[in-house]
């Protein structure tokens, strides 16, 4: 018969491994001197459908990462990590999650970002901070659409000016014929 503690640890490691499969992108943090109410506030600020923040023991996180399909070790992402550990899992908009994480870490100095995994690639703290500084997805899409629209609008303006000039020439020819 297995010990209850061992069964619980295996269950938690299995749950963390499932999260790594459900949420392919994640950021690893450590925190200290942050109250439970503040952590709940942070969790509520996240989009529940596309992200999840989980506090885990370092040893269980290491085992879960080794068991996951990513096959990337915790030491590759956060070699100097000590203390209470948290993982921010993300499915969709990683930039929005990075903005939330960086904003919370500025407000609460006890939260330290150590790194993460995005699109299967290891990312550093600087990359996460840069990602957080990007405009929201909707703004980037609007910028792309306006960039595509600008040459078309210019071409339409050019054609309308040509038509206006042609009309001016035709009117001038008509007035000249009427005067003769």
Protein backbone atom coordinates (compact mmCIF):
# COMPACT_ATOMS: atom_id res chain seq x y z
CA UNK A 1 0.00 0.00 0.00
CA UNK A 2 1.32 3.40 -1.01
CA UNK A 3 1.64 6.25 1.40
CA UNK A 4 -0.96 8.98 1.20
CA UNK A 5 1.65 11.76 0.83
CA UNK A 6 3.25 10.00 -2.13
CA UNK A 7 -0.13 9.57 -3.86
CA UNK A 8 -0.93 13.26 -3.33
CA UNK A 9 2.42 14.36 -4.76
CA UNK A 10 1.97 12.15 -7.83
CA UNK A 11 -1.51 13.58 -8.34
CA UNK A 12 -0.26 17.18 -8.11
CA UNK A 13 2.63 16.46 -10.49
CA UNK A 14 0.14 14.90 -12.92
CA UNK A 15 -2.09 18.00 -12.72
CA UNK A 16 0.85 20.31 -13.39
CA UNK A 17 1.89 18.14 -16.35
CA UNK A 18 -1.66 18.38 -17.74
CA UNK A 19 -1.47 22.16 -17.49
CA UNK A 20 1.76 22.13 -19.49
CA UNK A 21 -0.08 20.23 -22.22
CA UNK A 22 -3.26 22.38 -22.09
CA UNK A 23 -1.35 25.67 -21.95
CA UNK A 24 1.71 25.47 -24.23
CA UNK A 25 3.09 28.89 -23.21
CA UNK A 26 4.08 29.72 -19.66
CA UNK A 27 6.05 32.12 -17.48
CA UNK A 28 7.82 31.11 -14.26
CA UNK A 29 7.88 33.45 -11.27
CA UNK A 30 8.86 33.49 -7.62
CA UNK A 31 7.16 35.61 -5.02
CA UNK A 32 7.62 36.69 -1.44
CA UNK A 33 5.89 39.14 0.85
CA UNK A 34 2.74 39.15 -1.28
CA UNK A 35 -0.52 38.55 0.54
CA UNK A 36 -3.17 36.04 -0.44
CA UNK A 37 -5.63 38.83 -1.26
CA UNK A 38 -3.12 40.42 -3.61
CA UNK A 39 -2.48 37.09 -5.36
CA UNK A 40 -6.24 36.59 -5.71
CA UNK A 41 -6.50 40.06 -7.23
CA UNK A 42 -3.82 39.08 -9.74
CA UNK A 43 -5.56 35.80 -10.59
CA UNK A 44 -8.87 37.62 -11.12
CA UNK A 45 -7.20 40.08 -13.49
CA UNK A 46 -6.23 37.22 -15.79
CA UNK A 47 -8.51 36.02 -18.55
CA UNK A 48 -9.88 32.76 -17.12
CA UNK A 49 -10.36 31.06 -20.50
CA UNK A 50 -6.87 31.59 -21.80
CA UNK A 51 -4.64 31.70 -18.73
CA UNK A 52 -4.09 30.27 -15.29
CA UNK A 53 -1.71 31.05 -12.43
CA UNK A 54 -0.65 28.19 -10.19
CA UNK A 55 1.54 28.20 -7.09
CA UNK A 56 3.64 25.03 -6.92
CA UNK A 57 6.57 23.59 -5.03
CA UNK A 58 9.87 23.84 -6.92
CA UNK A 59 10.55 20.11 -6.68
CA UNK A 60 7.12 19.24 -8.07
CA UNK A 61 7.53 21.78 -10.87
CA UNK A 62 10.87 20.22 -11.81
CA UNK A 63 9.35 16.73 -11.95
CA UNK A 64 6.30 17.92 -13.92
CA UNK A 65 8.47 19.71 -16.47
CA UNK A 66 10.58 16.62 -16.95
CA UNK A 67 7.42 14.54 -17.50
CA UNK A 68 5.82 17.03 -19.91
CA UNK A 69 6.11 16.82 -23.67
CA UNK A 70 8.20 20.03 -23.73
CA UNK A 71 11.15 18.08 -22.33
CA UNK A 72 12.68 21.30 -21.09
CA UNK A 73 14.14 21.42 -17.62
CA UNK A 74 13.48 24.07 -15.01
CA UNK A 75 17.21 24.72 -14.76
CA UNK A 76 17.27 25.84 -18.39
CA UNK A 77 14.57 28.46 -17.77
CA UNK A 78 15.20 29.52 -14.19
CA UNK A 79 18.48 28.17 -12.85
CA UNK A 80 18.63 30.52 -9.85
CA UNK A 81 15.06 30.07 -8.67
CA UNK A 82 14.51 29.76 -4.94
CA UNK A 83 11.50 30.41 -2.73
CA UNK A 84 7.80 30.15 -3.51
CA UNK A 85 7.22 29.40 -7.17
CA UNK A 86 4.33 30.32 -9.44
CA UNK A 87 3.62 29.48 -13.06
CA UNK A 88 1.47 31.63 -15.33
CA UNK A 89 0.07 29.38 -18.04
CA UNK A 90 -1.28 30.95 -21.25
CA UNK A 91 -3.14 29.68 -24.32
CA UNK A 92 -3.93 32.65 -26.52
CA UNK A 93 -2.68 36.19 -26.07
CA UNK A 94 0.75 35.88 -24.49
CA UNK A 95 1.40 39.62 -24.80
CA UNK A 96 -1.65 40.39 -22.64
CA UNK A 97 -0.51 37.85 -20.06
CA UNK A 98 2.99 39.33 -20.10
CA UNK A 99 1.49 42.83 -19.60
CA UNK A 100 -0.50 41.58 -16.60
CA UNK A 101 2.52 39.83 -15.12
CA UNK A 102 4.94 42.74 -15.63
CA UNK A 103 2.36 45.23 -14.33
CA UNK A 104 1.80 43.16 -11.20
CA UNK A 105 5.55 42.75 -10.68
CA UNK A 106 5.99 46.54 -10.85
CA UNK A 107 3.23 47.02 -8.29
CA UNK A 108 4.51 44.26 -5.98
CA UNK A 109 8.29 44.11 -5.86
CA UNK A 110 8.15 40.66 -4.25
CA UNK A 111 7.14 39.04 -7.57
CA UNK A 112 10.17 38.15 -9.70
CA UNK A 113 9.89 36.89 -13.26
CA UNK A 114 12.46 34.22 -14.14
CA UNK A 115 11.67 33.22 -17.71
CA UNK A 116 9.29 31.08 -19.67
CA UNK A 117 8.46 29.15 -22.78
CA UNK A 118 6.68 30.67 -25.81
CA UNK A 119 5.96 28.72 -28.98
CA UNK A 120 8.37 26.03 -27.81
CA UNK A 121 11.22 28.49 -27.38
CA UNK A 122 12.85 29.49 -24.10
CA UNK A 123 12.38 33.20 -23.31
CA UNK A 124 14.23 35.43 -20.86
CA UNK A 125 12.96 38.10 -18.51
CA UNK A 126 13.99 40.81 -20.99
CA UNK A 127 11.98 39.14 -23.75
CA UNK A 128 8.92 38.97 -21.49
CA UNK A 129 9.30 42.66 -20.60
CA UNK A 130 9.63 43.55 -24.29
CA UNK A 131 6.57 41.46 -25.11
CA UNK A 132 4.66 43.32 -22.39
CA UNK A 133 5.61 46.67 -23.95
CA UNK A 134 4.00 45.78 -27.28
CA UNK A 135 0.62 47.35 -28.03
CA UNK A 136 -2.48 45.15 -27.67
CA UNK A 137 -3.35 42.75 -30.49
CA UNK A 138 -6.24 44.91 -31.72
CA UNK A 139 -3.96 47.95 -32.05
CA UNK A 140 -1.38 45.93 -33.99
CA UNK A 141 -4.10 44.66 -36.34
CA UNK A 142 -5.39 48.21 -36.86
CA UNK A 143 -1.85 49.37 -37.66
CA UNK A 144 -1.44 46.55 -40.19
CA UNK A 145 -4.78 47.30 -41.85
CA UNK A 146 -4.01 51.02 -42.06
CA UNK A 147 -0.62 50.17 -43.56
CA UNK A 148 -2.34 48.07 -46.22
CA UNK A 149 -5.05 50.69 -46.76
CA UNK A 150 -2.69 53.68 -47.18
CA UNK A 151 -1.32 52.80 -50.66
CA UNK A 152 -4.81 51.95 -51.90
CA UNK A 153 -6.17 55.27 -50.59
CA UNK A 154 -3.28 57.09 -52.26
CA UNK A 155 -3.97 55.34 -55.55
CA UNK A 156 -7.69 56.24 -55.35
CA UNK A 157 -6.72 59.87 -54.64
CA UNK A 158 -4.39 59.85 -57.64
CA UNK A 159 -7.11 58.50 -59.92
CA UNK A 160 -9.66 61.05 -58.66
CA UNK A 161 -7.17 63.89 -59.28
CA UNK A 162 -6.55 62.59 -62.81
CA UNK A 163 -10.31 62.47 -63.43
CA UNK A 164 -10.72 66.00 -62.04
CA UNK A 165 -7.87 67.28 -64.26
CA UNK A 166 -9.34 65.50 -67.28
CA UNK A 167 -12.75 67.03 -66.53
CA UNK A 168 -11.10 70.48 -66.21
CA UNK A 169 -9.41 70.03 -69.60
CA UNK A 170 -12.67 68.91 -71.22
CA UNK A 171 -14.53 71.91 -69.74
CA UNK A 172 -11.81 74.27 -70.96
CA UNK A 173 -12.01 72.80 -74.45
CA UNK A 174 -15.82 73.13 -74.33
CA UNK A 175 -15.63 76.81 -73.27
CA UNK A 176 -13.07 77.52 -75.98
CA UNK A 177 -15.35 75.96 -78.62
CA UNK A 178 -18.35 77.93 -77.30
CA UNK A 179 -16.36 81.20 -77.53
CA UNK A 180 -15.35 80.55 -81.13
